[in-house]
Amino acid sequence: LSRLNPQADAYLVDRSGEIRYSFAPAEYSPKVSRISTEPIDRFLSEGASQRAPIYGDDPESPGGRAVFSAAPVTIEGGVHYLYIVVGGARRA
């Protein structure tokens, strides 16, 4: 994904906010192992017409915030999130 769109980094995050996998290039590994899922839950619960940019944690910048997109995915019967950060720390 990062090769197709270098302005975005994707992560697989579990329901507790633990980053299970980073799709970013190896040299840009996450600086944190957990993010808040509250912004993700809010993003997913609002209707598409009601969404304004919602800022969530930027895994590459402890304490940093970034615009993101997210989608629920089911893996081995458990719900996870595909969390895509747009314009995060490494592009600042």
PDB file of N, CA and C in Angstrom:
ATOM      1  N   LEU A   1       0.825  -1.204   0.000  1.00  0.00           N
ATOM      2  CA  LEU A   1       0.000   0.000   0.000  1.00  0.00           C
ATOM      3  C   LEU A   1       0.860   1.255   0.000  1.00  0.00           C
ATOM      4  N   SER A   2       1.908   1.264   0.828  1.00  0.00           N
ATOM      5  CA  SER A   2       2.766   2.448   0.886  1.00  0.00           C
ATOM      6  C   SER A   2       3.500   2.693  -0.429  1.00  0.00           C
ATOM      7  N   ARG A   3       3.757   1.628  -1.171  1.00  0.00           N
ATOM      8  CA  ARG A   3       4.387   1.816  -2.476  1.00  0.00           C
ATOM      9  C   ARG A   3       3.406   2.414  -3.478  1.00  0.00           C
ATOM     10  N   LEU A   4       2.136   2.017  -3.393  1.00  0.00           N
ATOM     11  CA  LEU A   4       1.119   2.566  -4.282  1.00  0.00           C
ATOM     12  C   LEU A   4       0.766   3.995  -3.923  1.00  0.00           C
ATOM     13  N   ASN A   5       0.741   4.278  -2.618  1.00  0.00           N
ATOM     14  CA  ASN A   5       0.428   5.627  -2.139  1.00  0.00           C
ATOM     15  C   ASN A   5       1.371   5.972  -0.998  1.00  0.00           C
ATOM     16  N   PRO A   6       2.489   6.621  -1.302  1.00  0.00           N
ATOM     17  CA  PRO A   6       3.469   6.911  -0.253  1.00  0.00           C
ATOM     18  C   PRO A   6       2.967   7.893   0.799  1.00  0.00           C
ATOM     19  N   GLN A   7       1.797   8.466   0.600  1.00  0.00           N
ATOM     20  CA  GLN A   7       1.229   9.376   1.596  1.00  0.00           C
ATOM     21  C   GLN A   7       0.398   8.646   2.641  1.00  0.00           C
ATOM     22  N   ALA A   8       0.347   7.316   2.571  1.00  0.00           N
ATOM     23  CA  ALA A   8      -0.476   6.543   3.506  1.00  0.00           C
ATOM     24  C   ALA A   8       0.297   5.359   4.057  1.00  0.00           C
ATOM     25  N   ASP A   9       0.072   5.083   5.324  1.00  0.00           N
ATOM     26  CA  ASP A   9       0.619   3.894   5.969  1.00  0.00           C
ATOM     27  C   ASP A   9      -0.543   3.104   6.552  1.00  0.00           C
ATOM     28  N   ALA A  10      -0.480   1.792   6.425  1.00  0.00           N
ATOM     29  CA  ALA A  10      -1.577   0.946   6.889  1.00  0.00           C
ATOM     30  C   ALA A  10      -1.092   0.029   8.009  1.00  0.00           C
ATOM     31  N   TYR A  11      -1.993  -0.231   8.950  1.00  0.00           N
ATOM     32  CA  TYR A  11      -1.699  -1.076  10.103  1.00  0.00           C
ATOM     33  C   TYR A  11      -2.894  -1.981  10.355  1.00  0.00           C
ATOM     34  N   LEU A  12      -2.631  -3.163  10.867  1.00  0.00           N
ATOM     35  CA  LEU A  12      -3.679  -4.048  11.345  1.00  0.00           C
ATOM     36  C   LEU A  12      -3.693  -3.898  12.860  1.00  0.00           C
ATOM     37  N   VAL A  13      -4.829  -3.487  13.403  1.00  0.00           N
ATOM     38  CA  VAL A  13      -4.954  -3.163  14.824  1.00  0.00           C
ATOM     39  C   VAL A  13      -6.060  -4.020  15.427  1.00  0.00           C
ATOM     40  N   ASP A  14      -5.817  -4.594  16.613  1.00  0.00           N
ATOM     41  CA  ASP A  14      -6.888  -5.379  17.239  1.00  0.00           C
ATOM     42  C   ASP A  14      -7.826  -4.458  18.021  1.00  0.00           C
ATOM     43  N   ARG A  15      -8.898  -5.020  18.553  1.00  0.00           N
ATOM     44  CA  ARG A  15      -9.929  -4.234  19.242  1.00  0.00           C
ATOM     45  C   ARG A  15      -9.405  -3.488  20.471  1.00  0.00           C
ATOM     46  N   SER A  16      -8.300  -3.949  21.050  1.00  0.00           N
ATOM     47  CA  SER A  16      -7.742  -3.260  22.218  1.00  0.00           C
ATOM     48  C   SER A  16      -6.779  -2.145  21.808  1.00  0.00           C
ATOM     49  N   GLY A  17      -6.490  -2.019  20.506  1.00  0.00           N
ATOM     50  CA  GLY A  17      -5.598  -0.982  20.023  1.00  0.00           C
ATOM     51  C   GLY A  17      -4.175  -1.452  19.786  1.00  0.00           C
ATOM     52  N   GLU A  18      -3.905  -2.734  20.025  1.00  0.00           N
ATOM     53  CA  GLU A  18      -2.567  -3.288  19.798  1.00  0.00           C
ATOM     54  C   GLU A  18      -2.297  -3.370  18.299  1.00  0.00           C
ATOM     55  N   ILE A  19      -1.153  -2.824  17.872  1.00  0.00           N
ATOM     56  CA  ILE A  19      -0.774  -2.904  16.463  1.00  0.00           C
ATOM     57  C   ILE A  19      -0.222  -4.305  16.212  1.00  0.00           C
ATOM     58  N   ARG A  20      -0.944  -5.070  15.409  1.00  0.00           N
ATOM     59  CA  ARG A  20      -0.557  -6.449  15.120  1.00  0.00           C
ATOM     60  C   ARG A  20       0.354  -6.562  13.915  1.00  0.00           C
ATOM     61  N   TYR A  21       0.230  -5.629  12.985  1.00  0.00           N
ATOM     62  CA  TYR A  21       1.060  -5.684  11.781  1.00  0.00           C
ATOM     63  C   TYR A  21       1.125  -4.297  11.164  1.00  0.00           C
ATOM     64  N   SER A  22       2.288  -3.945  10.652  1.00  0.00           N
ATOM     65  CA  SER A  22       2.475  -2.686   9.941  1.00  0.00           C
ATOM     66  C   SER A  22       2.748  -3.000   8.480  1.00  0.00           C
ATOM     67  N   PHE A  23       2.031  -2.326   7.596  1.00  0.00           N
ATOM     68  CA  PHE A  23       2.240  -2.493   6.168  1.00  0.00           C
ATOM     69  C   PHE A  23       3.205  -1.442   5.622  1.00  0.00           C
ATOM     70  N   ALA A  24       3.769  -0.613   6.515  1.00  0.00           N
ATOM     71  CA  ALA A  24       4.733   0.411   6.110  1.00  0.00           C
ATOM     72  C   ALA A  24       6.066  -0.258   5.777  1.00  0.00           C
ATOM     73  N   PRO A  25       6.882   0.402   4.964  1.00  0.00           N
ATOM     74  CA  PRO A  25       8.211  -0.155   4.693  1.00  0.00           C
ATOM     75  C   PRO A  25       8.972  -0.375   5.998  1.00  0.00           C
ATOM     76  N   ALA A  26       9.845  -1.375   6.015  1.00  0.00           N
ATOM     77  CA  ALA A  26      10.559  -1.780   7.233  1.00  0.00           C
ATOM     78  C   ALA A  26      11.277  -0.626   7.919  1.00  0.00           C
ATOM     79  N   GLU A  27      11.800   0.311   7.143  1.00  0.00           N
ATOM     80  CA  GLU A  27      12.526   1.422   7.761  1.00  0.00           C
ATOM     81  C   GLU A  27      11.617   2.385   8.509  1.00  0.00           C
ATOM     82  N   TYR A  28      10.303   2.226   8.360  1.00  0.00           N
ATOM     83  CA  TYR A  28       9.341   3.084   9.048  1.00  0.00           C
ATOM     84  C   TYR A  28       8.459   2.275   9.991  1.00  0.00           C
ATOM     85  N   SER A  29       9.066   1.521  10.855  1.00  0.00           N
ATOM     86  CA  SER A  29       8.281   0.713  11.790  1.00  0.00           C
ATOM     87  C   SER A  29       7.611   1.627  12.816  1.00  0.00           C
ATOM     88  N   PRO A  30       6.464   1.213  13.360  1.00  0.00           N
ATOM     89  CA  PRO A  30       5.756   2.036  14.338  1.00  0.00           C
ATOM     90  C   PRO A  30       6.617   2.305  15.576  1.00  0.00           C
ATOM     91  N   LYS A  31       6.489   3.505  16.116  1.00  0.00           N
ATOM     92  CA  LYS A  31       7.232   3.883  17.327  1.00  0.00           C
ATOM     93  C   LYS A  31       6.451   3.547  18.589  1.00  0.00           C
ATOM     94  N   VAL A  32       5.181   3.185  18.435  1.00  0.00           N
ATOM     95  CA  VAL A  32       4.328   2.768  19.546  1.00  0.00           C
ATOM     96  C   VAL A  32       3.726   1.409  19.202  1.00  0.00           C
ATOM     97  N   SER A  33       3.323   0.663  20.210  1.00  0.00           N
ATOM     98  CA  SER A  33       2.740  -0.656  19.956  1.00  0.00           C
ATOM     99  C   SER A  33       1.223  -0.667  20.113  1.00  0.00           C
ATOM    100  N   ARG A  34       0.666   0.446  20.577  1.00  0.00           N
ATOM    101  CA  ARG A  34      -0.771   0.512  20.836  1.00  0.00           C
ATOM    102  C   ARG A  34      -1.280   1.910  20.512  1.00  0.00           C
ATOM    103  N   ILE A  35      -2.500   1.965  19.973  1.00  0.00           N
ATOM    104  CA  ILE A  35      -3.152   3.244  19.706  1.00  0.00           C
ATOM    105  C   ILE A  35      -4.538   3.231  20.351  1.00  0.00           C
ATOM    106  N   SER A  36      -5.128   4.395  20.478  1.00  0.00           N
ATOM    107  CA  SER A  36      -6.488   4.496  20.996  1.00  0.00           C
ATOM    108  C   SER A  36      -7.473   4.081  19.912  1.00  0.00           C
ATOM    109  N   THR A  37      -8.447   3.257  20.275  1.00  0.00           N
ATOM    110  CA  THR A  37      -9.465   2.846  19.305  1.00  0.00           C
ATOM    111  C   THR A  37     -10.705   3.733  19.358  1.00  0.00           C
ATOM    112  N   GLU A  38     -10.765   4.665  20.288  1.00  0.00           N
ATOM    113  CA  GLU A  38     -11.935   5.548  20.397  1.00  0.00           C
ATOM    114  C   GLU A  38     -12.187   6.311  19.103  1.00  0.00           C
ATOM    115  N   PRO A  39     -11.156   6.937  18.493  1.00  0.00           N
ATOM    116  CA  PRO A  39     -11.428   7.627  17.225  1.00  0.00           C
ATOM    117  C   PRO A  39     -11.865   6.671  16.113  1.00  0.00           C
ATOM    118  N   ILE A  40     -11.351   5.463  16.103  1.00  0.00           N
ATOM    119  CA  ILE A  40     -11.749   4.475  15.093  1.00  0.00           C
ATOM    120  C   ILE A  40     -13.216   4.113  15.278  1.00  0.00           C
ATOM    121  N   ASP A  41     -13.603   3.827  16.520  1.00  0.00           N
ATOM    122  CA  ASP A  41     -15.003   3.482  16.796  1.00  0.00           C
ATOM    123  C   ASP A  41     -15.934   4.627  16.405  1.00  0.00           C
ATOM    124  N   ARG A  42     -15.519   5.865  16.687  1.00  0.00           N
ATOM    125  CA  ARG A  42     -16.335   7.032  16.326  1.00  0.00           C
ATOM    126  C   ARG A  42     -16.436   7.154  14.805  1.00  0.00           C
ATOM    127  N   PHE A  43     -15.311   6.979  14.115  1.00  0.00           N
ATOM    128  CA  PHE A  43     -15.284   7.050  12.663  1.00  0.00           C
ATOM    129  C   PHE A  43     -16.229   6.016  12.045  1.00  0.00           C
ATOM    130  N   LEU A  44     -16.191   4.791  12.557  1.00  0.00           N
ATOM    131  CA  LEU A  44     -17.012   3.717  12.001  1.00  0.00           C
ATOM    132  C   LEU A  44     -18.488   3.852  12.352  1.00  0.00           C
ATOM    133  N   SER A  45     -18.799   4.501  13.471  1.00  0.00           N
ATOM    134  CA  SER A  45     -20.200   4.602  13.884  1.00  0.00           C
ATOM    135  C   SER A  45     -20.934   5.771  13.240  1.00  0.00           C
ATOM    136  N   GLU A  46     -20.222   6.763  12.732  1.00  0.00           N
ATOM    137  CA  GLU A  46     -20.863   7.906  12.100  1.00  0.00           C
ATOM    138  C   GLU A  46     -21.183   7.599  10.647  1.00  0.00           C
ATOM    139  N   GLY A  47     -22.297   8.106  10.173  1.00  0.00           N
ATOM    140  CA  GLY A  47     -22.654   7.915   8.773  1.00  0.00           C
ATOM    141  C   GLY A  47     -21.681   8.643   7.870  1.00  0.00           C
ATOM    142  N   ALA A  48     -21.540   8.169   6.644  1.00  0.00           N
ATOM    143  CA  ALA A  48     -20.574   8.757   5.700  1.00  0.00           C
ATOM    144  C   ALA A  48     -20.811  10.245   5.510  1.00  0.00           C
ATOM    145  N   SER A  49     -22.064  10.671   5.497  1.00  0.00           N
ATOM    146  CA  SER A  49     -22.346  12.095   5.279  1.00  0.00           C
ATOM    147  C   SER A  49     -22.004  12.933   6.510  1.00  0.00           C
ATOM    148  N   GLN A  50     -21.852  12.308   7.661  1.00  0.00           N
ATOM    149  CA  GLN A  50     -21.560  13.037   8.891  1.00  0.00           C
ATOM    150  C   GLN A  50     -20.065  13.101   9.190  1.00  0.00           C
ATOM    151  N   ARG A  51     -19.263  12.382   8.458  1.00  0.00           N
ATOM    152  CA  ARG A  51     -17.831  12.317   8.759  1.00  0.00           C
ATOM    153  C   ARG A  51     -17.121  13.606   8.373  1.00  0.00           C
ATOM    154  N   ALA A  52     -16.437  14.168   9.307  1.00  0.00           N
ATOM    155  CA  ALA A  52     -15.480  15.243   9.065  1.00  0.00           C
ATOM    156  C   ALA A  52     -14.133  14.614   9.362  1.00  0.00           C
ATOM    157  N   PRO A  53     -13.058  15.240   9.013  1.00  0.00           N
ATOM    158  CA  PRO A  53     -11.796  14.601   9.385  1.00  0.00           C
ATOM    159  C   PRO A  53     -11.751  14.325  10.890  1.00  0.00           C
ATOM    160  N   ILE A  54     -11.469  13.101  11.220  1.00  0.00           N
ATOM    161  CA  ILE A  54     -11.285  12.697  12.620  1.00  0.00           C
ATOM    162  C   ILE A  54      -9.817  12.348  12.761  1.00  0.00           C
ATOM    163  N   TYR A  55      -9.201  12.872  13.786  1.00  0.00           N
ATOM    164  CA  TYR A  55      -7.781  12.615  14.005  1.00  0.00           C
ATOM    165  C   TYR A  55      -7.609  11.458  14.977  1.00  0.00           C
ATOM    166  N   GLY A  56      -6.694  10.561  14.632  1.00  0.00           N
ATOM    167  CA  GLY A  56      -6.361   9.439  15.489  1.00  0.00           C
ATOM    168  C   GLY A  56      -4.865   9.422  15.745  1.00  0.00           C
ATOM    169  N   ASP A  57      -4.424   8.472  16.530  1.00  0.00           N
ATOM    170  CA  ASP A  57      -3.006   8.360  16.860  1.00  0.00           C
ATOM    171  C   ASP A  57      -2.183   8.047  15.620  1.00  0.00           C
ATOM    172  N   ASP A  58      -0.990   8.650  15.545  1.00  0.00           N
ATOM    173  CA  ASP A  58      -0.042   8.344  14.478  1.00  0.00           C
ATOM    174  C   ASP A  58       0.996   7.389  15.060  1.00  0.00           C
ATOM    175  N   PRO A  59       0.985   6.110  14.662  1.00  0.00           N
ATOM    176  CA  PRO A  59       1.909   5.131  15.229  1.00  0.00           C
ATOM    177  C   PRO A  59       3.385   5.467  15.057  1.00  0.00           C
ATOM    178  N   GLU A  60       3.702   6.348  14.127  1.00  0.00           N
ATOM    179  CA  GLU A  60       5.102   6.710  13.915  1.00  0.00           C
ATOM    180  C   GLU A  60       5.514   7.956  14.685  1.00  0.00           C
ATOM    181  N   SER A  61       4.602   8.515  15.462  1.00  0.00           N
ATOM    182  CA  SER A  61       4.902   9.731  16.207  1.00  0.00           C
ATOM    183  C   SER A  61       4.213   9.668  17.568  1.00  0.00           C
ATOM    184  N   PRO A  62       4.900   9.185  18.607  1.00  0.00           N
ATOM    185  CA  PRO A  62       4.266   9.102  19.932  1.00  0.00           C
ATOM    186  C   PRO A  62       3.650  10.450  20.324  1.00  0.00           C
ATOM    187  N   GLY A  63       2.369  10.431  20.624  1.00  0.00           N
ATOM    188  CA  GLY A  63       1.641  11.647  20.972  1.00  0.00           C
ATOM    189  C   GLY A  63       1.146  12.418  19.768  1.00  0.00           C
ATOM    190  N   GLY A  64       1.562  12.019  18.556  1.00  0.00           N
ATOM    191  CA  GLY A  64       1.140  12.711  17.342  1.00  0.00           C
ATOM    192  C   GLY A  64      -0.232  12.263  16.876  1.00  0.00           C
ATOM    193  N   ARG A  65      -0.897  13.109  16.135  1.00  0.00           N
ATOM    194  CA  ARG A  65      -2.231  12.824  15.608  1.00  0.00           C
ATOM    195  C   ARG A  65      -2.208  12.988  14.095  1.00  0.00           C
ATOM    196  N   ALA A  66      -3.062  12.243  13.404  1.00  0.00           N
ATOM    197  CA  ALA A  66      -3.133  12.309  11.951  1.00  0.00           C
ATOM    198  C   ALA A  66      -4.534  11.942  11.487  1.00  0.00           C
ATOM    199  N   VAL A  67      -4.876  12.421  10.304  1.00  0.00           N
ATOM    200  CA  VAL A  67      -6.124  12.011   9.664  1.00  0.00           C
ATOM    201  C   VAL A  67      -5.973  10.544   9.282  1.00  0.00           C
ATOM    202  N   PHE A  68      -7.051   9.784   9.418  1.00  0.00           N
ATOM    203  CA  PHE A  68      -6.988   8.360   9.123  1.00  0.00           C
ATOM    204  C   PHE A  68      -8.276   7.885   8.477  1.00  0.00           C
ATOM    205  N   SER A  69      -8.224   6.678   7.978  1.00  0.00           N
ATOM    206  CA  SER A  69      -9.401   5.946   7.549  1.00  0.00           C
ATOM    207  C   SER A  69      -9.299   4.573   8.195  1.00  0.00           C
ATOM    208  N   ALA A  70     -10.424   3.907   8.350  1.00  0.00           N
ATOM    209  CA  ALA A  70     -10.416   2.589   8.991  1.00  0.00           C
ATOM    210  C   ALA A  70     -11.561   1.750   8.465  1.00  0.00           C
ATOM    211  N   ALA A  71     -11.358   0.444   8.553  1.00  0.00           N
ATOM    212  CA  ALA A  71     -12.404  -0.509   8.177  1.00  0.00           C
ATOM    213  C   ALA A  71     -12.263  -1.732   9.066  1.00  0.00           C
ATOM    214  N   PRO A  72     -13.393  -2.297   9.497  1.00  0.00           N
ATOM    215  CA  PRO A  72     -13.312  -3.529  10.277  1.00  0.00           C
ATOM    216  C   PRO A  72     -12.984  -4.703   9.363  1.00  0.00           C
ATOM    217  N   VAL A  73     -12.176  -5.619   9.863  1.00  0.00           N
ATOM    218  CA  VAL A  73     -11.864  -6.852   9.142  1.00  0.00           C
ATOM    219  C   VAL A  73     -11.960  -8.003  10.130  1.00  0.00           C
ATOM    220  N   THR A  74     -12.434  -9.139   9.654  1.00  0.00           N
ATOM    221  CA  THR A  74     -12.542 -10.313  10.509  1.00  0.00           C
ATOM    222  C   THR A  74     -11.420 -11.277  10.146  1.00  0.00           C
ATOM    223  N   ILE A  75     -10.635 -11.642  11.162  1.00  0.00           N
ATOM    224  CA  ILE A  75      -9.522 -12.566  10.979  1.00  0.00           C
ATOM    225  C   ILE A  75      -9.666 -13.666  12.015  1.00  0.00           C
ATOM    226  N   GLU A  76      -9.775 -14.900  11.541  1.00  0.00           N
ATOM    227  CA  GLU A  76      -9.925 -16.058  12.421  1.00  0.00           C
ATOM    228  C   GLU A  76     -11.024 -15.840  13.460  1.00  0.00           C
ATOM    229  N   GLY A  77     -12.143 -15.282  13.018  1.00  0.00           N
ATOM    230  CA  GLY A  77     -13.295 -15.085  13.876  1.00  0.00           C
ATOM    231  C   GLY A  77     -13.243 -13.858  14.765  1.00  0.00           C
ATOM    232  N   GLY A  78     -12.131 -13.129  14.774  1.00  0.00           N
ATOM    233  CA  GLY A  78     -12.009 -11.928  15.598  1.00  0.00           C
ATOM    234  C   GLY A  78     -12.033 -10.664  14.750  1.00  0.00           C
ATOM    235  N   VAL A  79     -12.607  -9.610  15.313  1.00  0.00           N
ATOM    236  CA  VAL A  79     -12.681  -8.339  14.604  1.00  0.00           C
ATOM    237  C   VAL A  79     -11.406  -7.543  14.870  1.00  0.00           C
ATOM    238  N   HIS A  80     -10.813  -7.056  13.801  1.00  0.00           N
ATOM    239  CA  HIS A  80      -9.650  -6.174  13.846  1.00  0.00           C
ATOM    240  C   HIS A  80      -9.996  -4.949  13.014  1.00  0.00           C
ATOM    241  N   TYR A  81      -9.079  -3.993  12.973  1.00  0.00           N
ATOM    242  CA  TYR A  81      -9.261  -2.819  12.124  1.00  0.00           C
ATOM    243  C   TYR A  81      -8.107  -2.710  11.147  1.00  0.00           C
ATOM    244  N   LEU A  82      -8.421  -2.341   9.920  1.00  0.00           N
ATOM    245  CA  LEU A  82      -7.421  -1.882   8.982  1.00  0.00           C
ATOM    246  C   LEU A  82      -7.390  -0.372   9.193  1.00  0.00           C
ATOM    247  N   TYR A  83      -6.265   0.137   9.674  1.00  0.00           N
ATOM    248  CA  TYR A  83      -6.118   1.533  10.089  1.00  0.00           C
ATOM    249  C   TYR A  83      -5.123   2.189   9.145  1.00  0.00           C
ATOM    250  N   ILE A  84      -5.580   3.177   8.393  1.00  0.00           N
ATOM    251  CA  ILE A  84      -4.742   3.819   7.385  1.00  0.00           C
ATOM    252  C   ILE A  84      -4.524   5.270   7.767  1.00  0.00           C
ATOM    253  N   VAL A  85      -3.266   5.611   8.013  1.00  0.00           N
ATOM    254  CA  VAL A  85      -2.882   6.969   8.392  1.00  0.00           C
ATOM    255  C   VAL A  85      -2.494   7.723   7.135  1.00  0.00           C
ATOM    256  N   VAL A  86      -3.060   8.906   6.981  1.00  0.00           N
ATOM    257  CA  VAL A  86      -2.809   9.740   5.811  1.00  0.00           C
ATOM    258  C   VAL A  86      -1.962  10.937   6.247  1.00  0.00           C
ATOM    259  N   GLY A  87      -0.798  11.089   5.648  1.00  0.00           N
ATOM    260  CA  GLY A  87       0.041  12.242   5.942  1.00  0.00           C
ATOM    261  C   GLY A  87       0.594  12.257   7.351  1.00  0.00           C
ATOM    262  N   GLY A  88       1.083  11.136   7.826  1.00  0.00           N
ATOM    263  CA  GLY A  88       1.597  11.018   9.199  1.00  0.00           C
ATOM    264  C   GLY A  88       2.979  11.627   9.376  1.00  0.00           C
ATOM    265  N   ALA A  89       3.648  11.256  10.455  1.00  0.00           N
ATOM    266  CA  ALA A  89       4.897  11.878  10.906  1.00  0.00           C
ATOM    267  C   ALA A  89       6.012  11.816   9.876  1.00  0.00           C
ATOM    268  N   ARG A  90       6.192  10.714   9.200  1.00  0.00           N
ATOM    269  CA  ARG A  90       7.344  10.616   8.314  1.00  0.00           C
ATOM    270  C   ARG A  90       7.199  11.494   7.070  1.00  0.00           C
ATOM    271  N   ARG A  91       6.010  12.020   6.834  1.00  0.00           N
ATOM    272  CA  ARG A  91       5.799  12.905   5.700  1.00  0.00           C
ATOM    273  C   ARG A  91       5.743  14.368   6.109  1.00  0.00           C
ATOM    274  N   ALA A  92       5.865  14.631   7.400  1.00  0.00           N
ATOM    275  CA  ALA A  92       5.763  16.016   7.891  1.00  0.00           C
ATOM    276  C   ALA A  92       6.996  16.813   7.565  1.00  0.00           C
TER     277      ALA A  92
END
